[in-house]
PDB file of all heavy atoms in Angstrom:
ATOM      1  N   PHE A   1      84.190 167.512 115.478  1.00  0.00           N
ATOM      2  CA  PHE A   1      84.860 166.249 115.175  1.00  0.00           C
ATOM      3  C   PHE A   1      83.961 165.304 114.372  1.00  0.00           C
ATOM      4  O   PHE A   1      84.443 164.506 113.569  1.00  0.00           O
ATOM      5  CB  PHE A   1      85.290 165.561 116.484  1.00  0.00           C
ATOM      6  CG  PHE A   1      86.338 166.318 117.244  1.00  0.00           C
ATOM      7  CD1 PHE A   1      86.093 166.790 118.526  1.00  0.00           C
ATOM      8  CD2 PHE A   1      87.578 166.566 116.674  1.00  0.00           C
ATOM      9  CE1 PHE A   1      87.057 167.497 119.224  1.00  0.00           C
ATOM     10  CE2 PHE A   1      88.554 167.274 117.370  1.00  0.00           C
ATOM     11  CZ  PHE A   1      88.293 167.739 118.644  1.00  0.00           C
ATOM     12  N   ASP A   2      82.647 165.399 114.597  1.00  0.00           N
ATOM     13  CA  ASP A   2      81.726 164.571 113.828  1.00  0.00           C
ATOM     14  C   ASP A   2      81.745 164.953 112.351  1.00  0.00           C
ATOM     15  O   ASP A   2      81.766 164.097 111.455  1.00  0.00           O
ATOM     16  CB  ASP A   2      80.311 164.662 114.390  1.00  0.00           C
ATOM     17  CG  ASP A   2      79.864 166.108 114.572  1.00  0.00           C
ATOM     18  OD1 ASP A   2      80.686 167.026 114.368  1.00  0.00           O
ATOM     19  OD2 ASP A   2      78.676 166.312 114.928  1.00  0.00           O
ATOM     20  N   SER A   3      81.779 166.256 112.068  1.00  0.00           N
ATOM     21  CA  SER A   3      81.859 166.709 110.677  1.00  0.00           C
ATOM     22  C   SER A   3      83.188 166.329 110.037  1.00  0.00           C
ATOM     23  O   SER A   3      83.242 165.927 108.871  1.00  0.00           O
ATOM     24  CB  SER A   3      81.672 168.231 110.630  1.00  0.00           C
ATOM     25  OG  SER A   3      80.406 168.595 111.113  1.00  0.00           O
ATOM     26  N   LEU A   4      84.253 166.458 110.841  1.00  0.00           N
ATOM     27  CA  LEU A   4      85.581 166.096 110.335  1.00  0.00           C
ATOM     28  C   LEU A   4      85.631 164.618 109.960  1.00  0.00           C
ATOM     29  O   LEU A   4      86.149 164.243 108.901  1.00  0.00           O
ATOM     30  CB  LEU A   4      86.636 166.410 111.404  1.00  0.00           C
ATOM     31  CG  LEU A   4      88.072 165.984 111.095  1.00  0.00           C
ATOM     32  CD1 LEU A   4      88.614 166.729 109.887  1.00  0.00           C
ATOM     33  CD2 LEU A   4      88.962 166.226 112.315  1.00  0.00           C
ATOM     34  N   ALA A   5      85.081 163.762 110.824  1.00  0.00           N
ATOM     35  CA  ALA A   5      85.103 162.326 110.573  1.00  0.00           C
ATOM     36  C   ALA A   5      84.259 161.957 109.351  1.00  0.00           C
ATOM     37  O   ALA A   5      84.671 161.140 108.520  1.00  0.00           O
ATOM     38  CB  ALA A   5      84.603 161.573 111.805  1.00  0.00           C
ATOM     39  N   SER A   6      83.088 162.575 109.226  1.00  0.00           N
ATOM     40  CA  SER A   6      82.235 162.252 108.076  1.00  0.00           C
ATOM     41  C   SER A   6      82.857 162.760 106.775  1.00  0.00           C
ATOM     42  O   SER A   6      82.805 162.086 105.748  1.00  0.00           O
ATOM     43  CB  SER A   6      80.853 162.868 108.278  1.00  0.00           C
ATOM     44  OG  SER A   6      80.931 164.285 108.360  1.00  0.00           O
ATOM     45  N   PHE A   7      83.450 163.943 106.834  1.00  0.00           N
ATOM     46  CA  PHE A   7      84.124 164.498 105.666  1.00  0.00           C
ATOM     47  C   PHE A   7      85.236 163.575 105.199  1.00  0.00           C
ATOM     48  O   PHE A   7      85.357 163.245 104.010  1.00  0.00           O
ATOM     49  CB  PHE A   7      84.660 165.877 106.017  1.00  0.00           C
ATOM     50  CG  PHE A   7      85.271 166.621 104.854  1.00  0.00           C
ATOM     51  CD1 PHE A   7      84.826 166.424 103.553  1.00  0.00           C
ATOM     52  CD2 PHE A   7      86.285 167.542 105.056  1.00  0.00           C
ATOM     53  CE1 PHE A   7      85.371 167.109 102.487  1.00  0.00           C
ATOM     54  CE2 PHE A   7      86.843 168.233 104.005  1.00  0.00           C
ATOM     55  CZ  PHE A   7      86.393 168.017 102.715  1.00  0.00           C
ATOM     56  N   SER A   8      86.067 163.123 106.143  1.00  0.00           N
ATOM     57  CA  SER A   8      87.183 162.226 105.805  1.00  0.00           C
ATOM     58  C   SER A   8      86.677 160.907 105.236  1.00  0.00           C
ATOM     59  O   SER A   8      87.216 160.394 104.245  1.00  0.00           O
ATOM     60  CB  SER A   8      88.034 161.966 107.043  1.00  0.00           C
ATOM     61  OG  SER A   8      89.024 161.000 106.796  1.00  0.00           O
ATOM     62  N   LEU A   9      85.629 160.357 105.847  1.00  0.00           N
ATOM     63  CA  LEU A   9      85.092 159.073 105.383  1.00  0.00           C
ATOM     64  C   LEU A   9      84.608 159.158 103.938  1.00  0.00           C
ATOM     65  O   LEU A   9      84.945 158.320 103.099  1.00  0.00           O
ATOM     66  CB  LEU A   9      83.954 158.642 106.297  1.00  0.00           C
ATOM     67  CG  LEU A   9      83.210 157.366 105.880  1.00  0.00           C
ATOM     68  CD1 LEU A   9      84.132 156.161 105.899  1.00  0.00           C
ATOM     69  CD2 LEU A   9      81.996 157.131 106.785  1.00  0.00           C
ATOM     70  N   PHE A  10      83.850 160.198 103.632  1.00  0.00           N
ATOM     71  CA  PHE A  10      83.286 160.301 102.282  1.00  0.00           C
ATOM     72  C   PHE A  10      84.346 160.699 101.252  1.00  0.00           C
ATOM     73  O   PHE A  10      84.219 160.356 100.074  1.00  0.00           O
ATOM     74  CB  PHE A  10      82.114 161.271 102.273  1.00  0.00           C
ATOM     75  CG  PHE A  10      80.870 160.704 102.902  1.00  0.00           C
ATOM     76  CD1 PHE A  10      80.446 161.142 104.137  1.00  0.00           C
ATOM     77  CD2 PHE A  10      80.163 159.681 102.275  1.00  0.00           C
ATOM     78  CE1 PHE A  10      79.315 160.605 104.727  1.00  0.00           C
ATOM     79  CE2 PHE A  10      79.029 159.144 102.853  1.00  0.00           C
ATOM     80  CZ  PHE A  10      78.599 159.605 104.097  1.00  0.00           C
ATOM     81  N   LEU A  11      85.372 161.382 101.690  1.00  0.00           N
ATOM     82  CA  LEU A  11      86.498 161.637 100.789  1.00  0.00           C
ATOM     83  C   LEU A  11      87.167 160.332 100.388  1.00  0.00           C
ATOM     84  O   LEU A  11      87.510 160.115  99.214  1.00  0.00           O
ATOM     85  CB  LEU A  11      87.519 162.561 101.462  1.00  0.00           C
ATOM     86  CG  LEU A  11      87.289 164.069 101.382  1.00  0.00           C
ATOM     87  CD1 LEU A  11      88.357 164.800 102.185  1.00  0.00           C
ATOM     88  CD2 LEU A  11      87.292 164.552  99.951  1.00  0.00           C
ATOM     89  N   VAL A  12      87.397 159.440 101.356  1.00  0.00           N
ATOM     90  CA  VAL A  12      88.029 158.149 101.066  1.00  0.00           C
ATOM     91  C   VAL A  12      87.131 157.300 100.180  1.00  0.00           C
ATOM     92  O   VAL A  12      87.587 156.663  99.224  1.00  0.00           O
ATOM     93  CB  VAL A  12      88.374 157.404 102.372  1.00  0.00           C
ATOM     94  CG1 VAL A  12      88.903 156.015 102.059  1.00  0.00           C
ATOM     95  CG2 VAL A  12      89.403 158.187 103.181  1.00  0.00           C
ATOM     96  N   ILE A  13      85.828 157.286 100.485  1.00  0.00           N
ATOM     97  CA  ILE A  13      84.890 156.512  99.659  1.00  0.00           C
ATOM     98  C   ILE A  13      84.904 157.032  98.224  1.00  0.00           C
ATOM     99  O   ILE A  13      84.930 156.250  97.261  1.00  0.00           O
ATOM    100  CB  ILE A  13      83.467 156.588 100.255  1.00  0.00           C
ATOM    101  CG1 ILE A  13      83.412 155.842 101.591  1.00  0.00           C
ATOM    102  CG2 ILE A  13      82.449 156.005  99.276  1.00  0.00           C
ATOM    103  CD1 ILE A  13      82.083 155.972 102.303  1.00  0.00           C
ATOM    104  N   SER A  14      84.871 158.344  98.078  1.00  0.00           N
ATOM    105  CA  SER A  14      84.906 158.944  96.736  1.00  0.00           C
ATOM    106  C   SER A  14      86.203 158.576  96.010  1.00  0.00           C
ATOM    107  O   SER A  14      86.179 158.273  94.813  1.00  0.00           O
ATOM    108  CB  SER A  14      84.778 160.452  96.849  1.00  0.00           C
ATOM    109  OG  SER A  14      84.824 161.064  95.587  1.00  0.00           O
ATOM    110  N   LYS A  15      87.325 158.585  96.731  1.00  0.00           N
ATOM    111  CA  LYS A  15      88.615 158.246  96.119  1.00  0.00           C
ATOM    112  C   LYS A  15      88.641 156.791  95.663  1.00  0.00           C
ATOM    113  O   LYS A  15      89.117 156.476  94.563  1.00  0.00           O
ATOM    114  CB  LYS A  15      89.734 158.495  97.131  1.00  0.00           C
ATOM    115  CG  LYS A  15      91.126 158.249  96.585  1.00  0.00           C
ATOM    116  CD  LYS A  15      91.476 159.229  95.493  1.00  0.00           C
ATOM    117  CE  LYS A  15      92.898 159.025  94.989  1.00  0.00           C
ATOM    118  NZ  LYS A  15      93.219 159.927  93.873  1.00  0.00           N
ATOM    119  N   ILE A  16      88.108 155.895  96.489  1.00  0.00           N
ATOM    120  CA  ILE A  16      88.063 154.478  96.123  1.00  0.00           C
ATOM    121  C   ILE A  16      87.201 154.280  94.879  1.00  0.00           C
ATOM    122  O   ILE A  16      87.561 153.545  93.952  1.00  0.00           O
ATOM    123  CB  ILE A  16      87.536 153.629  97.293  1.00  0.00           C
ATOM    124  CG1 ILE A  16      88.574 153.580  98.420  1.00  0.00           C
ATOM    125  CG2 ILE A  16      87.177 152.219  96.845  1.00  0.00           C
ATOM    126  CD1 ILE A  16      88.096 152.873  99.665  1.00  0.00           C
ATOM    127  N   PHE A  17      86.078 154.964  94.846  1.00  0.00           N
ATOM    128  CA  PHE A  17      85.184 154.828  93.698  1.00  0.00           C
ATOM    129  C   PHE A  17      85.824 155.370  92.432  1.00  0.00           C
ATOM    130  O   PHE A  17      85.700 154.782  91.350  1.00  0.00           O
ATOM    131  CB  PHE A  17      83.874 155.546  93.993  1.00  0.00           C
ATOM    132  CG  PHE A  17      82.759 155.152  93.073  1.00  0.00           C
ATOM    133  CD1 PHE A  17      82.070 153.970  93.259  1.00  0.00           C
ATOM    134  CD2 PHE A  17      82.408 155.949  92.002  1.00  0.00           C
ATOM    135  CE1 PHE A  17      81.050 153.584  92.407  1.00  0.00           C
ATOM    136  CE2 PHE A  17      81.391 155.581  91.136  1.00  0.00           C
ATOM    137  CZ  PHE A  17      80.698 154.393  91.354  1.00  0.00           C
ATOM    138  N   GLN A  18      86.527 156.487  92.551  1.00  0.00           N
ATOM    139  CA  GLN A  18      87.210 157.053  91.385  1.00  0.00           C
ATOM    140  C   GLN A  18      88.315 156.126  90.889  1.00  0.00           C
ATOM    141  O   GLN A  18      88.494 155.956  89.684  1.00  0.00           O
ATOM    142  CB  GLN A  18      87.787 158.430  91.736  1.00  0.00           C
ATOM    143  CG  GLN A  18      86.733 159.511  91.906  1.00  0.00           C
ATOM    144  CD  GLN A  18      87.350 160.843  92.243  1.00  0.00           C
ATOM    145  OE1 GLN A  18      88.259 161.306  91.581  1.00  0.00           O
ATOM    146  NE2 GLN A  18      86.843 161.475  93.295  1.00  0.00           N
ATOM    147  N   ASN A  19      89.085 155.549  91.821  1.00  0.00           N
ATOM    148  CA  ASN A  19      90.135 154.610  91.433  1.00  0.00           C
ATOM    149  C   ASN A  19      89.554 153.399  90.735  1.00  0.00           C
ATOM    150  O   ASN A  19      90.112 152.884  89.752  1.00  0.00           O
ATOM    151  CB  ASN A  19      90.940 154.174  92.661  1.00  0.00           C
ATOM    152  CG  ASN A  19      91.982 155.191  93.042  1.00  0.00           C
ATOM    153  OD1 ASN A  19      92.030 156.280  92.481  1.00  0.00           O
ATOM    154  ND2 ASN A  19      92.808 154.865  94.023  1.00  0.00           N
ATOM    155  N   TYR A  20      88.443 152.913  91.260  1.00  0.00           N
ATOM    156  CA  TYR A  20      87.774 151.769  90.622  1.00  0.00           C
ATOM    157  C   TYR A  20      87.352 152.138  89.195  1.00  0.00           C
ATOM    158  O   TYR A  20      87.537 151.356  88.255  1.00  0.00           O
ATOM    159  CB  TYR A  20      86.554 151.365  91.430  1.00  0.00           C
ATOM    160  CG  TYR A  20      85.739 150.268  90.784  1.00  0.00           C
ATOM    161  CD1 TYR A  20      86.082 148.931  90.932  1.00  0.00           C
ATOM    162  CD2 TYR A  20      84.632 150.573  89.999  1.00  0.00           C
ATOM    163  CE1 TYR A  20      85.340 147.935  90.327  1.00  0.00           C
ATOM    164  CE2 TYR A  20      83.888 149.584  89.388  1.00  0.00           C
ATOM    165  CZ  TYR A  20      84.248 148.258  89.555  1.00  0.00           C
ATOM    166  OH  TYR A  20      83.524 147.265  88.951  1.00  0.00           O
ATOM    167  N   THR A  21      86.817 153.345  89.048  1.00  0.00           N
ATOM    168  CA  THR A  21      86.411 153.810  87.723  1.00  0.00           C
ATOM    169  C   THR A  21      87.585 153.862  86.765  1.00  0.00           C
ATOM    170  O   THR A  21      87.512 153.391  85.631  1.00  0.00           O
ATOM    171  CB  THR A  21      85.775 155.211  87.836  1.00  0.00           C
ATOM    172  OG1 THR A  21      84.651 155.142  88.711  1.00  0.00           O
ATOM    173  CG2 THR A  21      85.314 155.696  86.481  1.00  0.00           C
ATOM    174  N   HIS A  22      88.721 154.411  87.223  1.00  0.00           N
ATOM    175  CA  HIS A  22      89.916 154.488  86.383  1.00  0.00           C
ATOM    176  C   HIS A  22      90.410 153.103  86.006  1.00  0.00           C
ATOM    177  O   HIS A  22      90.717 152.819  84.842  1.00  0.00           O
ATOM    178  CB  HIS A  22      91.019 155.250  87.108  1.00  0.00           C
ATOM    179  CG  HIS A  22      90.939 156.733  86.943  1.00  0.00           C
ATOM    180  ND1 HIS A  22      91.263 157.385  85.774  1.00  0.00           N
ATOM    181  CD2 HIS A  22      90.552 157.696  87.806  1.00  0.00           C
ATOM    182  CE1 HIS A  22      91.089 158.674  85.926  1.00  0.00           C
ATOM    183  NE2 HIS A  22      90.658 158.897  87.139  1.00  0.00           N
ATOM    184  N   ASN A  23      90.478 152.204  86.986  1.00  0.00           N
ATOM    185  CA  ASN A  23      91.058 150.889  86.748  1.00  0.00           C
ATOM    186  C   ASN A  23      90.182 150.011  85.878  1.00  0.00           C
ATOM    187  O   ASN A  23      90.670 149.240  85.057  1.00  0.00           O
ATOM    188  CB  ASN A  23      91.333 150.185  88.075  1.00  0.00           C
ATOM    189  CG  ASN A  23      92.450 150.857  88.853  1.00  0.00           C
ATOM    190  OD1 ASN A  23      93.330 151.475  88.275  1.00  0.00           O
ATOM    191  ND2 ASN A  23      92.408 150.743  90.167  1.00  0.00           N
ATOM    192  N   LYS A  24      88.862 150.106  86.045  1.00  0.00           N
ATOM    193  CA  LYS A  24      87.953 149.207  85.352  1.00  0.00           C
ATOM    194  C   LYS A  24      87.451 149.748  84.029  1.00  0.00           C
ATOM    195  O   LYS A  24      87.131 149.001  83.122  1.00  0.00           O
ATOM    196  CB  LYS A  24      86.747 148.887  86.254  1.00  0.00           C
ATOM    197  CG  LYS A  24      87.112 148.151  87.530  1.00  0.00           C
ATOM    198  CD  LYS A  24      87.733 146.803  87.242  1.00  0.00           C
ATOM    199  CE  LYS A  24      88.066 146.073  88.534  1.00  0.00           C
ATOM    200  NZ  LYS A  24      88.720 144.769  88.266  1.00  0.00           N
ATOM    201  N   ILE A  25      87.373 151.066  83.899  1.00  0.00           N
ATOM    202  CA  ILE A  25      86.781 151.651  82.700  1.00  0.00           C
ATOM    203  C   ILE A  25      87.804 152.384  81.853  1.00  0.00           C
ATOM    204  O   ILE A  25      87.820 152.280  80.625  1.00  0.00           O
ATOM    205  CB  ILE A  25      85.633 152.612  83.083  1.00  0.00           C
ATOM    206  CG1 ILE A  25      84.530 151.821  83.802  1.00  0.00           C
ATOM    207  CG2 ILE A  25      85.058 153.287  81.864  1.00  0.00           C
ATOM    208  CD1 ILE A  25      83.363 152.671  84.259  1.00  0.00           C
ATOM    209  N   LEU A  26      88.712 153.124  82.478  1.00  0.00           N
ATOM    210  CA  LEU A  26      89.597 154.000  81.721  1.00  0.00           C
ATOM    211  C   LEU A  26      90.957 153.390  81.444  1.00  0.00           C
ATOM    212  O   LEU A  26      91.758 153.979  80.737  1.00  0.00           O
ATOM    213  CB  LEU A  26      89.787 155.321  82.471  1.00  0.00           C
ATOM    214  CG  LEU A  26      88.495 156.052  82.835  1.00  0.00           C
ATOM    215  CD1 LEU A  26      88.817 157.350  83.531  1.00  0.00           C
ATOM    216  CD2 LEU A  26      87.659 156.298  81.612  1.00  0.00           C
ATOM    217  N   SER A  27      91.259 152.220  81.996  1.00  0.00           N
ATOM    218  CA  SER A  27      92.574 151.613  81.793  1.00  0.00           C
ATOM    219  C   SER A  27      92.449 150.481  80.798  1.00  0.00           C
ATOM    220  O   SER A  27      91.646 149.578  80.983  1.00  0.00           O
ATOM    221  CB  SER A  27      93.130 151.089  83.118  1.00  0.00           C
ATOM    222  OG  SER A  27      94.373 150.492  82.915  1.00  0.00           O
ATOM    223  N   PHE A  28      93.260 150.496  79.737  1.00  0.00           N
ATOM    224  CA  PHE A  28      93.143 149.517  78.668  1.00  0.00           C
ATOM    225  C   PHE A  28      94.384 148.661  78.488  1.00  0.00           C
ATOM    226  O   PHE A  28      94.355 147.677  77.761  1.00  0.00           O
ATOM    227  CB  PHE A  28      92.848 150.223  77.340  1.00  0.00           C
ATOM    228  CG  PHE A  28      91.608 151.041  77.389  1.00  0.00           C
ATOM    229  CD1 PHE A  28      91.682 152.402  77.592  1.00  0.00           C
ATOM    230  CD2 PHE A  28      90.369 150.459  77.261  1.00  0.00           C
ATOM    231  CE1 PHE A  28      90.542 153.168  77.642  1.00  0.00           C
ATOM    232  CE2 PHE A  28      89.216 151.218  77.311  1.00  0.00           C
ATOM    233  CZ  PHE A  28      89.305 152.577  77.501  1.00  0.00           C
ATOM    234  N   ASP A  29      95.508 149.004  79.124  1.00  0.00           N
ATOM    235  CA  ASP A  29      96.728 148.267  78.863  1.00  0.00           C
ATOM    236  C   ASP A  29      96.792 146.954  79.628  1.00  0.00           C
ATOM    237  O   ASP A  29      97.741 146.211  79.516  1.00  0.00           O
ATOM    238  CB  ASP A  29      97.965 149.110  79.200  1.00  0.00           C
ATOM    239  CG  ASP A  29      98.019 149.529  80.660  1.00  0.00           C
ATOM    240  OD1 ASP A  29      97.027 149.285  81.362  1.00  0.00           O
ATOM    241  OD2 ASP A  29      99.055 150.091  81.064  1.00  0.00           O
ATOM    242  N   LYS A  30      95.729 146.642  80.419  1.00  0.00           N
ATOM    243  CA  LYS A  30      95.739 145.373  81.137  1.00  0.00           C
ATOM    244  C   LYS A  30      95.525 144.215  80.162  1.00  0.00           C
ATOM    245  O   LYS A  30      96.005 143.121  80.384  1.00  0.00           O
ATOM    246  CB  LYS A  30      94.633 145.381  82.199  1.00  0.00           C
ATOM    247  CG  LYS A  30      94.909 146.377  83.315  1.00  0.00           C
ATOM    248  CD  LYS A  30      93.812 146.358  84.358  1.00  0.00           C
ATOM    249  CE  LYS A  30      94.106 147.367  85.451  1.00  0.00           C
ATOM    250  NZ  LYS A  30      93.061 147.404  86.485  1.00  0.00           N
ATOM    251  N   ASN A  31      94.744 144.455  79.131  1.00  0.00           N
ATOM    252  CA  ASN A  31      94.525 143.420  78.123  1.00  0.00           C
ATOM    253  C   ASN A  31      94.992 143.948  76.785  1.00  0.00           C
ATOM    254  O   ASN A  31      94.218 144.429  75.981  1.00  0.00           O
ATOM    255  CB  ASN A  31      93.039 143.028  78.062  1.00  0.00           C
ATOM    256  CG  ASN A  31      92.827 141.818  77.180  1.00  0.00           C
ATOM    257  OD1 ASN A  31      93.751 141.343  76.517  1.00  0.00           O
ATOM    258  ND2 ASN A  31      91.617 141.308  77.160  1.00  0.00           N
ATOM    259  N   TYR A  32      96.275 143.864  76.563  1.00  0.00           N
ATOM    260  CA  TYR A  32      96.908 144.465  75.384  1.00  0.00           C
ATOM    261  C   TYR A  32      96.357 143.876  74.097  1.00  0.00           C
ATOM    262  O   TYR A  32      96.177 144.560  73.111  1.00  0.00           O
ATOM    263  CB  TYR A  32      98.410 144.214  75.488  1.00  0.00           C
ATOM    264  CG  TYR A  32      99.245 144.913  74.463  1.00  0.00           C
ATOM    265  CD1 TYR A  32      99.590 146.242  74.603  1.00  0.00           C
ATOM    266  CD2 TYR A  32      99.735 144.228  73.367  1.00  0.00           C
ATOM    267  CE1 TYR A  32     100.390 146.866  73.679  1.00  0.00           C
ATOM    268  CE2 TYR A  32     100.537 144.855  72.434  1.00  0.00           C
ATOM    269  CZ  TYR A  32     100.857 146.168  72.606  1.00  0.00           C
ATOM    270  OH  TYR A  32     101.637 146.799  71.695  1.00  0.00           O
ATOM    271  N   LYS A  33      96.055 142.574  74.144  1.00  0.00           N
ATOM    272  CA  LYS A  33      95.602 141.892  72.939  1.00  0.00           C
ATOM    273  C   LYS A  33      94.271 142.463  72.446  1.00  0.00           C
ATOM    274  O   LYS A  33      94.035 142.548  71.248  1.00  0.00           O
ATOM    275  CB  LYS A  33      95.469 140.396  73.227  1.00  0.00           C
ATOM    276  CG  LYS A  33      95.078 139.556  72.028  1.00  0.00           C
ATOM    277  CD  LYS A  33      95.084 138.088  72.394  1.00  0.00           C
ATOM    278  CE  LYS A  33      94.665 137.221  71.229  1.00  0.00           C
ATOM    279  NZ  LYS A  33      94.683 135.796  71.561  1.00  0.00           N
ATOM    280  N   SER A  34      93.409 142.888  73.367  1.00  0.00           N
ATOM    281  CA  SER A  34      92.121 143.419  72.958  1.00  0.00           C
ATOM    282  C   SER A  34      92.176 144.921  72.694  1.00  0.00           C
ATOM    283  O   SER A  34      91.226 145.502  72.204  1.00  0.00           O
ATOM    284  CB  SER A  34      91.079 143.154  74.053  1.00  0.00           C
ATOM    285  OG  SER A  34      91.382 143.886  75.205  1.00  0.00           O
ATOM    286  N   TYR A  35      93.291 145.552  73.028  1.00  0.00           N
ATOM    287  CA  TYR A  35      93.386 147.005  72.830  1.00  0.00           C
ATOM    288  C   TYR A  35      93.677 147.334  71.373  1.00  0.00           C
ATOM    289  O   TYR A  35      92.895 147.958  70.688  1.00  0.00           O
ATOM    290  CB  TYR A  35      94.461 147.561  73.756  1.00  0.00           C
ATOM    291  CG  TYR A  35      94.509 149.052  73.814  1.00  0.00           C
ATOM    292  CD1 TYR A  35      93.456 149.836  73.365  1.00  0.00           C
ATOM    293  CD2 TYR A  35      95.607 149.696  74.342  1.00  0.00           C
ATOM    294  CE1 TYR A  35      93.484 151.208  73.437  1.00  0.00           C
ATOM    295  CE2 TYR A  35      95.651 151.079  74.432  1.00  0.00           C
ATOM    296  CZ  TYR A  35      94.593 151.815  73.970  1.00  0.00           C
ATOM    297  OH  TYR A  35      94.646 153.174  74.040  1.00  0.00           O
ATOM    298  N   TYR A  36      94.815 146.887  70.856  1.00  0.00           N
ATOM    299  CA  TYR A  36      95.031 146.969  69.418  1.00  0.00           C
ATOM    300  C   TYR A  36      95.795 145.728  68.982  1.00  0.00           C
ATOM    301  O   TYR A  36      96.837 145.403  69.532  1.00  0.00           O
ATOM    302  CB  TYR A  36      95.765 148.249  68.999  1.00  0.00           C
ATOM    303  CG  TYR A  36      96.832 148.742  69.932  1.00  0.00           C
ATOM    304  CD1 TYR A  36      98.122 148.223  69.900  1.00  0.00           C
ATOM    305  CD2 TYR A  36      96.552 149.732  70.848  1.00  0.00           C
ATOM    306  CE1 TYR A  36      99.099 148.695  70.756  1.00  0.00           C
ATOM    307  CE2 TYR A  36      97.523 150.205  71.711  1.00  0.00           C
ATOM    308  CZ  TYR A  36      98.786 149.692  71.653  1.00  0.00           C
ATOM    309  OH  TYR A  36      99.741 150.151  72.498  1.00  0.00           O
TER     310      TYR A  36
END
């Protein structure tokens, strides 16, 4: 159960970090005026 809990925790942390990366770095339509 300890391994299961740690695995789940780090999966969620990794997912949050990836979402942050997508939203802050890879998404451009939030500021349309600066895109084109």
